[in-house]
Amino acid sequence: MNRITKKSFYSFLALYLISSFIFLSLTAYWFYTSQVAMEKSTNFYRMNHIADVVSSEIIHAAMNNKKFELKHFDKEAVALLDKEKGVIDGMLIQKVDFSKDFYMNDMMFTLVSKRSGGHLGIEYIIVQSDEYFKNIAKIKNKIAYAVVITAILIIMIAVFLSYIFLKPIKDKMQEIEEFVKDTTHELNTPITALMMSLSRLKQKQTYDEKILNNLSISTKQLHDIYATLSYVSFDTKESDETINFSNIIQEQIEYVKELRKKKHLSIITNLQAVPITIAPTKAKMLISNLLGNAIKYSHQNGTITVTTTPEYMSIEDNGIGIEKEKLKTIFTRYVRASSYGGGFGIGLSIVKQIAQEYNYKIEIDSKVGIGTKITIYF
């Protein structure tokens, strides 16, 4: 990843993690407070229930003149006290504050009950328990484990989502970087040719047809690059007109005359009048890209055949051809079927865009080493 993509990746990851951890923290806090309240209530009712059970047994024993034996409770300490607050039976864990019915002190809950009604000389039933704090400690541990595991899962999901989310951006940035490199390369060739030709003209100070041809080719290449980039970058509005498509083809064939002669290519035309309604600039872009590709990927001394009828237009070359597996992607922007002739990889994407706008159908037939034929049905 480049610097911008890395920055976007870490920014998205940080934002996702911060928001997720805030939500996780709030959820854990809410769950903890609800569990604390529930445990506190449960503890209170459990201790009250023990006091009720013990007082009921005391009263029952007193009324039936039976011996009373205090039961043992696993999680609570129970003590029976007389009026002078002396222990009759059971055990006290800590000193009792008789001014309160239910209170917490030093990690211990104490319940003071007078429900025995003085039967059997028992005035107070004291229930003490630290079970609440043991359960809270367990809840804390469980929440901590759950938070850690959830945090790990969140981090893994965040990294995965960040990668998925930024993959299109990463791919687009890579396409842009390659596009800039290709642009630099494409511009460098005609500019270098222009500079060399002008330098030779200055040295010779005489008319040289070869040099002028090179100047013309380089100037037209620069113009084509500018036209292509302008079409891709700017949404230019132009009204449709009814034109003879074959005339546009003739103009474009004349336009690439020097470049065609440089590769010693011959163009065979079978042109019928084709009146169609289209924006003239788009018609030129359609032809220039198809014709430019045919010239670019043709071998020296090759032949290009251009055919038009009222139903379709086709351009066929006997150049390098296109591999079968690449035929599905050649109309994708910035994708090139071959590095043979350079270029940006946007020519055929422009052709597809124009064809879709006017509901034209594109058909391509190509074989490696034999050539390529592209047909556009109007």
Protein backbone atom coordinates (compact mmCIF):
# COMPACT_ATOMS: atom_id res chain seq x y z
CA MET A 1 0.00 0.00 0.00
CA ASN A 2 1.17 3.52 -0.72
CA ARG A 3 1.23 6.35 1.83
CA ILE A 4 -2.31 7.60 1.12
CA THR A 5 -3.82 4.11 1.18
CA LYS A 6 -2.00 3.29 4.43
CA LYS A 7 -3.25 6.52 6.00
CA SER A 8 -6.82 5.73 4.93
CA PHE A 9 -6.47 2.16 6.19
CA TYR A 10 -5.22 3.15 9.63
CA SER A 11 -7.72 6.03 9.90
CA PHE A 12 -10.65 3.75 9.13
CA LEU A 13 -9.25 1.06 11.42
CA ALA A 14 -8.77 3.54 14.28
CA LEU A 15 -12.25 5.01 13.84
CA TYR A 16 -13.84 1.57 13.73
CA LEU A 17 -11.91 0.32 16.76
CA ILE A 18 -12.52 3.44 18.86
CA SER A 19 -16.25 3.43 18.16
CA SER A 20 -16.46 -0.34 18.71
CA PHE A 21 -14.52 -0.19 21.99
CA ILE A 22 -16.66 2.70 23.23
CA PHE A 23 -19.76 0.67 22.44
CA LEU A 24 -18.20 -2.45 24.02
CA SER A 25 -17.26 -0.48 27.17
CA LEU A 26 -20.73 0.99 27.51
CA THR A 27 -22.30 -2.43 26.97
CA ALA A 28 -19.98 -4.05 29.55
CA TYR A 29 -20.69 -1.24 32.05
CA TRP A 30 -24.45 -1.52 31.53
CA PHE A 31 -24.32 -5.28 31.88
CA TYR A 32 -22.14 -5.03 35.03
CA THR A 33 -24.40 -2.47 36.74
CA SER A 34 -27.51 -4.53 35.90
CA GLN A 35 -25.85 -7.68 37.25
CA VAL A 36 -24.77 -5.84 40.43
CA ALA A 37 -28.31 -4.57 41.01
CA MET A 38 -29.75 -8.02 40.31
CA GLU A 39 -27.23 -9.74 42.58
CA LYS A 40 -27.83 -7.24 45.36
CA SER A 41 -31.60 -7.78 45.15
CA THR A 42 -31.16 -11.56 44.99
CA ASN A 43 -28.85 -11.49 48.00
CA PHE A 44 -31.33 -9.39 50.00
CA TYR A 45 -34.26 -11.70 49.24
CA ARG A 46 -32.17 -14.82 49.95
CA MET A 47 -31.11 -13.51 53.36
CA ASN A 48 -34.69 -12.43 54.12
CA HIS A 49 -35.90 -15.88 53.16
CA ILE A 50 -33.41 -17.49 55.56
CA ALA A 51 -34.59 -15.19 58.36
CA ASP A 52 -38.21 -16.08 57.58
CA VAL A 53 -37.46 -19.82 57.58
CA VAL A 54 -35.55 -19.64 60.88
CA SER A 55 -38.22 -17.47 62.59
CA SER A 56 -40.96 -19.80 61.36
CA GLU A 57 -39.15 -22.82 62.80
CA ILE A 58 -38.58 -20.99 66.14
CA ILE A 59 -42.26 -20.09 66.48
CA HIS A 60 -43.33 -23.59 65.46
CA ALA A 61 -41.02 -25.17 68.04
CA ALA A 62 -42.23 -22.79 70.76
CA MET A 63 -45.90 -23.43 70.04
CA ASN A 64 -45.44 -27.21 69.98
CA ASN A 65 -43.11 -27.24 72.98
CA LYS A 66 -40.36 -28.89 70.93
CA LYS A 67 -36.63 -28.53 71.02
CA PHE A 68 -35.32 -26.11 68.40
CA GLU A 69 -32.14 -26.80 66.48
CA LEU A 70 -30.65 -24.12 64.22
CA LYS A 71 -29.92 -25.41 60.73
CA HIS A 72 -26.56 -24.95 59.09
CA PHE A 73 -26.45 -22.77 55.97
CA ASP A 74 -23.58 -23.20 53.48
CA LYS A 75 -23.33 -19.60 52.26
CA GLU A 76 -24.69 -17.58 55.17
CA ALA A 77 -23.85 -17.30 58.86
CA VAL A 78 -26.93 -17.22 61.15
CA ALA A 79 -26.91 -16.22 64.81
CA LEU A 80 -29.73 -16.11 67.39
CA LEU A 81 -29.52 -13.37 70.02
CA ASP A 82 -31.50 -12.63 73.22
CA LYS A 83 -32.78 -9.24 74.44
CA GLU A 84 -29.34 -8.40 75.87
CA LYS A 85 -27.92 -9.15 72.38
CA GLY A 86 -26.03 -12.12 73.59
CA VAL A 87 -25.54 -15.06 71.25
CA ILE A 88 -27.83 -17.98 72.09
CA ASP A 89 -26.96 -20.11 69.07
CA GLY A 90 -25.08 -19.78 65.80
CA MET A 91 -22.15 -17.55 64.98
CA LEU A 92 -21.48 -13.89 64.21
CA ILE A 93 -18.80 -13.07 61.66
CA GLN A 94 -18.59 -9.39 62.57
CA LYS A 95 -20.07 -6.98 65.08
CA VAL A 96 -23.72 -6.05 64.44
CA ASP A 97 -25.14 -2.52 64.09
CA PHE A 98 -28.64 -2.92 65.55
CA SER A 99 -29.70 0.55 64.33
CA LYS A 100 -30.07 -0.82 60.80
CA ASP A 101 -32.17 -3.66 59.40
CA PHE A 102 -29.97 -4.36 56.36
CA TYR A 103 -26.57 -2.92 55.66
CA MET A 104 -23.14 -3.58 54.17
CA ASN A 105 -19.88 -3.23 56.05
CA ASP A 106 -16.37 -4.40 55.23
CA MET A 107 -17.36 -6.70 52.33
CA MET A 108 -20.20 -8.23 54.35
CA PHE A 109 -23.99 -7.87 54.28
CA THR A 110 -25.88 -8.11 57.57
CA LEU A 111 -29.62 -8.59 58.05
CA VAL A 112 -31.20 -7.90 61.44
CA SER A 113 -34.60 -9.54 61.93
CA LYS A 114 -36.98 -9.51 64.96
CA ARG A 115 -39.51 -11.84 63.36
CA SER A 116 -39.08 -14.55 66.02
CA GLY A 117 -41.25 -12.42 68.32
CA GLY A 118 -39.22 -13.31 71.43
CA HIS A 119 -40.18 -16.98 71.28
CA LEU A 120 -37.75 -19.32 73.04
CA GLY A 121 -36.03 -16.19 74.35
CA ILE A 122 -34.78 -15.34 70.89
CA GLU A 123 -35.15 -11.62 70.14
CA TYR A 124 -32.90 -11.21 67.12
CA ILE A 125 -32.10 -13.33 64.09
CA ILE A 126 -28.86 -12.15 62.48
CA VAL A 127 -27.99 -13.28 58.96
CA GLN A 128 -24.55 -12.38 57.60
CA SER A 129 -23.14 -13.22 54.17
CA ASP A 130 -20.28 -12.29 51.84
CA GLU A 131 -21.75 -14.32 48.96
CA TYR A 132 -22.73 -11.14 47.13
CA PHE A 133 -19.11 -10.03 46.83
CA LYS A 134 -17.95 -13.48 45.75
CA ASN A 135 -20.58 -13.51 43.01
CA ILE A 136 -19.66 -9.96 41.95
CA ALA A 137 -16.01 -11.02 41.66
CA LYS A 138 -17.07 -13.95 39.45
CA ILE A 139 -19.21 -11.62 37.32
CA LYS A 140 -16.25 -9.22 36.94
CA ASN A 141 -14.01 -12.08 35.78
CA LYS A 142 -16.62 -13.32 33.31
CA ILE A 143 -17.15 -9.80 31.93
CA ALA A 144 -13.37 -9.27 31.68
CA TYR A 145 -12.93 -12.54 29.74
CA ALA A 146 -15.89 -11.70 27.50
CA VAL A 147 -14.55 -8.17 26.86
CA VAL A 148 -11.07 -9.47 25.98
CA ILE A 149 -12.40 -12.16 23.62
CA THR A 150 -14.85 -9.68 22.05
CA ALA A 151 -12.09 -7.09 21.67
CA ILE A 152 -9.89 -9.62 19.85
CA LEU A 153 -12.78 -10.51 17.55
CA ILE A 154 -13.50 -6.81 16.96
CA ILE A 155 -9.85 -6.20 16.03
CA MET A 156 -9.87 -9.15 13.62
CA ILE A 157 -13.16 -8.01 12.08
CA ALA A 158 -11.92 -4.41 11.91
CA VAL A 159 -8.76 -5.41 10.04
CA PHE A 160 -10.79 -7.59 7.66
CA LEU A 161 -13.43 -4.91 7.05
CA SER A 162 -10.75 -2.23 6.62
CA TYR A 163 -9.08 -4.36 3.97
CA ILE A 164 -12.39 -5.07 2.21
CA PHE A 165 -13.49 -1.43 2.47
CA LEU A 166 -10.20 -0.01 1.20
CA LYS A 167 -9.51 -2.61 -1.49
CA PRO A 168 -11.43 -0.62 -4.18
CA ILE A 169 -9.55 2.53 -3.11
CA LYS A 170 -6.27 0.64 -3.16
CA ASP A 171 -7.01 -0.74 -6.63
CA LYS A 172 -8.09 2.70 -7.85
CA MET A 173 -4.95 4.33 -6.44
CA GLN A 174 -2.87 1.68 -8.17
CA GLU A 175 -4.72 2.35 -11.42
CA ILE A 176 -4.10 6.10 -11.02
CA GLU A 177 -0.40 5.55 -10.31
CA GLU A 178 -0.08 3.34 -13.39
CA PHE A 179 -2.11 5.86 -15.38
CA VAL A 180 0.23 8.69 -14.34
CA LYS A 181 3.26 6.57 -15.29
CA ASP A 182 1.68 5.71 -18.64
CA THR A 183 0.76 9.36 -19.23
CA THR A 184 4.32 10.43 -18.51
CA HIS A 185 5.62 7.78 -20.90
CA GLU A 186 3.09 8.59 -23.62
CA LEU A 187 3.78 12.31 -23.44
CA ASN A 188 7.53 11.81 -23.33
CA THR A 189 7.65 10.08 -26.75
CA PRO A 190 6.04 12.80 -28.92
CA ILE A 191 7.65 15.62 -26.91
CA THR A 192 11.09 14.07 -27.38
CA ALA A 193 10.37 13.64 -31.11
CA LEU A 194 9.27 17.27 -31.37
CA MET A 195 12.40 18.53 -29.61
CA MET A 196 14.70 16.41 -31.75
CA SER A 197 12.94 17.39 -34.98
CA LEU A 198 13.03 21.08 -34.10
CA SER A 199 16.71 20.79 -33.19
CA ARG A 200 17.46 19.18 -36.54
CA LEU A 201 15.50 21.88 -38.36
CA LYS A 202 17.53 24.58 -36.62
CA GLN A 203 20.76 22.83 -37.56
CA LYS A 204 19.82 22.24 -41.20
CA GLN A 205 17.94 25.51 -41.67
CA THR A 206 16.29 23.87 -44.66
CA TYR A 207 12.97 22.14 -45.40
CA ASP A 208 13.05 18.41 -44.62
CA GLU A 209 9.87 16.39 -45.33
CA LYS A 210 10.84 13.56 -42.97
CA ILE A 211 11.33 15.97 -40.09
CA LEU A 212 8.04 17.70 -40.86
CA ASN A 213 6.28 14.34 -40.89
CA ASN A 214 7.74 13.54 -37.48
CA LEU A 215 6.59 16.94 -36.23
CA SER A 216 3.11 16.31 -37.61
CA ILE A 217 2.90 12.81 -36.06
CA SER A 218 4.12 14.02 -32.65
CA THR A 219 1.76 17.00 -32.67
CA LYS A 220 -1.21 14.77 -33.54
CA GLN A 221 -0.19 12.28 -30.84
CA LEU A 222 -0.17 15.08 -28.28
CA HIS A 223 -3.54 16.29 -29.56
CA ASP A 224 -4.99 12.77 -29.30
CA ILE A 225 -3.66 12.39 -25.75
CA TYR A 226 -5.19 15.75 -24.84
CA ALA A 227 -8.53 14.83 -26.46
CA THR A 228 -8.62 11.47 -24.67
CA LEU A 229 -7.77 12.95 -21.26
CA SER A 230 -10.28 15.78 -21.76
CA TYR A 231 -13.04 13.33 -22.66
CA VAL A 232 -12.30 11.19 -19.61
CA SER A 233 -11.88 14.10 -17.18
CA PHE A 234 -14.53 16.59 -18.28
CA ASP A 235 -18.24 16.12 -18.88
CA THR A 236 -18.48 18.13 -22.09
CA LYS A 237 -21.97 18.70 -23.45
CA GLU A 238 -22.53 18.51 -27.19
CA SER A 239 -25.76 18.20 -29.13
CA ASP A 240 -26.40 15.21 -31.37
CA GLU A 241 -26.48 15.75 -35.11
CA THR A 242 -27.40 13.59 -38.07
CA ILE A 243 -24.12 12.94 -39.88
CA ASN A 244 -22.70 10.57 -42.46
CA PHE A 245 -20.56 8.27 -40.35
CA SER A 246 -18.48 7.26 -43.36
CA ASN A 247 -17.33 10.85 -43.83
CA ILE A 248 -16.00 10.89 -40.25
CA ILE A 249 -14.11 7.68 -41.00
CA GLN A 250 -12.54 9.23 -44.12
CA GLU A 251 -11.45 12.27 -42.10
CA GLN A 252 -9.85 10.09 -39.43
CA ILE A 253 -8.05 7.93 -42.02
CA GLU A 254 -6.60 11.12 -43.50
CA TYR A 255 -5.73 12.36 -40.01
CA VAL A 256 -3.53 9.30 -39.28
CA LYS A 257 -1.90 9.30 -42.70
CA GLU A 258 1.64 10.08 -41.48
CA LEU A 259 1.49 7.50 -38.68
CA ARG A 260 0.13 4.88 -41.08
CA LYS A 261 2.89 5.57 -43.62
CA LYS A 262 5.53 5.38 -40.90
CA LYS A 263 4.54 1.72 -40.28
CA HIS A 264 3.93 1.12 -43.98
CA LEU A 265 0.32 0.14 -43.35
CA SER A 266 -2.32 -0.03 -46.03
CA ILE A 267 -5.96 0.72 -45.31
CA ILE A 268 -8.70 -0.91 -47.39
CA THR A 269 -12.07 0.83 -47.17
CA ASN A 270 -15.51 -0.51 -48.06
CA LEU A 271 -17.65 2.44 -47.08
CA GLN A 272 -21.35 2.91 -47.63
CA ALA A 273 -23.29 5.99 -46.60
CA VAL A 274 -24.29 5.65 -42.94
CA PRO A 275 -26.59 8.44 -41.70
CA ILE A 276 -26.72 8.28 -37.90
CA THR A 277 -27.55 10.72 -35.13
CA ILE A 278 -24.61 11.27 -32.80
CA ALA A 279 -22.48 14.07 -31.34
CA PRO A 280 -19.69 14.70 -33.91
CA THR A 281 -16.95 14.70 -31.23
CA LYS A 282 -18.11 11.32 -29.94
CA ALA A 283 -18.19 9.93 -33.47
CA LYS A 284 -14.58 11.06 -33.92
CA MET A 285 -13.58 9.57 -30.55
CA LEU A 286 -15.22 6.30 -31.52
CA ILE A 287 -13.34 6.05 -34.80
CA SER A 288 -10.02 7.49 -33.62
CA ASN A 289 -9.73 5.01 -30.76
CA LEU A 290 -10.62 1.97 -32.87
CA LEU A 291 -8.45 3.09 -35.79
CA GLY A 292 -5.63 4.13 -33.44
CA ASN A 293 -5.63 0.70 -31.81
CA ALA A 294 -5.62 -1.04 -35.18
CA ILE A 295 -2.56 0.98 -36.23
CA LYS A 296 -0.85 0.64 -32.85
CA TYR A 297 -1.14 -3.16 -32.68
CA SER A 298 -0.49 -3.87 -36.37
CA HIS A 299 2.83 -5.19 -37.62
CA GLN A 300 4.92 -3.31 -40.15
CA ASN A 301 3.53 -3.60 -43.71
CA GLY A 302 0.18 -4.80 -42.32
CA THR A 303 -3.31 -4.20 -43.64
CA ILE A 304 -6.32 -2.61 -41.99
CA THR A 305 -9.82 -3.06 -43.41
CA VAL A 306 -12.60 -0.59 -42.59
CA THR A 307 -16.16 -1.46 -43.58
CA THR A 308 -19.42 0.42 -43.10
CA THR A 309 -23.02 -0.41 -43.93
CA PRO A 310 -26.22 1.20 -42.63
CA GLU A 311 -26.34 -1.60 -40.02
CA TYR A 312 -22.76 -1.75 -38.74
CA MET A 313 -19.16 -0.55 -38.89
CA SER A 314 -16.11 -2.81 -38.57
CA ILE A 315 -12.34 -2.31 -38.33
CA GLU A 316 -10.15 -5.35 -38.91
CA ASP A 317 -6.36 -5.68 -38.67
CA ASN A 318 -3.88 -8.53 -39.05
CA GLY A 319 -1.82 -7.51 -36.04
CA ILE A 320 -0.80 -9.18 -32.78
CA GLY A 321 -4.33 -10.15 -31.67
CA ILE A 322 -5.69 -10.49 -28.14
CA GLU A 323 -5.53 -13.49 -25.82
CA LYS A 324 -8.92 -15.13 -25.26
CA GLU A 325 -8.90 -14.69 -21.46
CA LYS A 326 -8.29 -10.95 -21.85
CA LEU A 327 -11.24 -10.31 -24.18
CA LYS A 328 -13.61 -9.93 -21.21
CA THR A 329 -11.58 -7.14 -19.61
CA ILE A 330 -10.26 -5.06 -22.51
CA PHE A 331 -13.18 -2.61 -22.28
CA THR A 332 -12.38 -1.93 -18.60
CA ARG A 333 -10.73 1.43 -17.96
CA TYR A 334 -6.95 1.34 -17.44
CA VAL A 335 -6.78 -2.30 -18.55
CA ARG A 336 -4.50 -3.04 -21.49
CA ALA A 337 -4.53 -6.30 -23.38
CA SER A 338 -0.87 -5.84 -24.26
CA SER A 339 2.04 -3.49 -23.60
CA TYR A 340 3.05 -3.83 -27.25
CA GLY A 341 2.03 -0.32 -28.31
CA GLY A 342 1.88 1.57 -25.03
CA GLY A 343 -1.21 3.63 -24.26
CA PHE A 344 -3.35 4.35 -21.22
CA GLY A 345 -5.82 1.50 -21.43
CA ILE A 346 -8.78 3.88 -21.71
CA GLY A 347 -9.42 3.96 -25.48
CA LEU A 348 -11.71 0.93 -25.59
CA SER A 349 -13.45 2.00 -22.37
CA ILE A 350 -14.37 5.25 -24.18
CA VAL A 351 -15.64 3.21 -27.14
CA LYS A 352 -17.79 1.12 -24.79
CA GLN A 353 -19.10 4.21 -23.00
CA ILE A 354 -20.16 5.86 -26.27
CA ALA A 355 -21.68 2.61 -27.57
CA GLN A 356 -23.73 2.20 -24.37
CA GLU A 357 -24.91 5.81 -24.59
CA TYR A 358 -26.33 5.26 -28.08
CA ASN A 359 -27.36 1.62 -27.56
CA TYR A 360 -24.80 0.29 -30.01
CA LYS A 361 -23.72 -3.33 -29.75
CA ILE A 362 -20.00 -4.15 -29.77
CA GLU A 363 -18.70 -7.46 -31.06
CA ILE A 364 -15.03 -8.44 -30.97
CA ASP A 365 -13.28 -11.35 -32.63
CA SER A 366 -9.56 -11.79 -32.07
CA LYS A 367 -6.89 -14.46 -32.35
CA VAL A 368 -3.31 -14.14 -31.15
CA GLY A 369 -0.91 -13.70 -34.07
CA ILE A 370 -3.73 -13.40 -36.62
CA GLY A 371 -5.48 -10.14 -35.83
CA THR A 372 -8.53 -8.47 -34.37
CA LYS A 373 -11.90 -7.43 -35.78
CA ILE A 374 -14.20 -5.08 -33.87
CA THR A 375 -17.73 -4.56 -35.15
CA ILE A 376 -20.18 -1.95 -33.91
CA TYR A 377 -23.84 -2.52 -34.75
CA PHE A 378 -25.82 0.71 -34.89
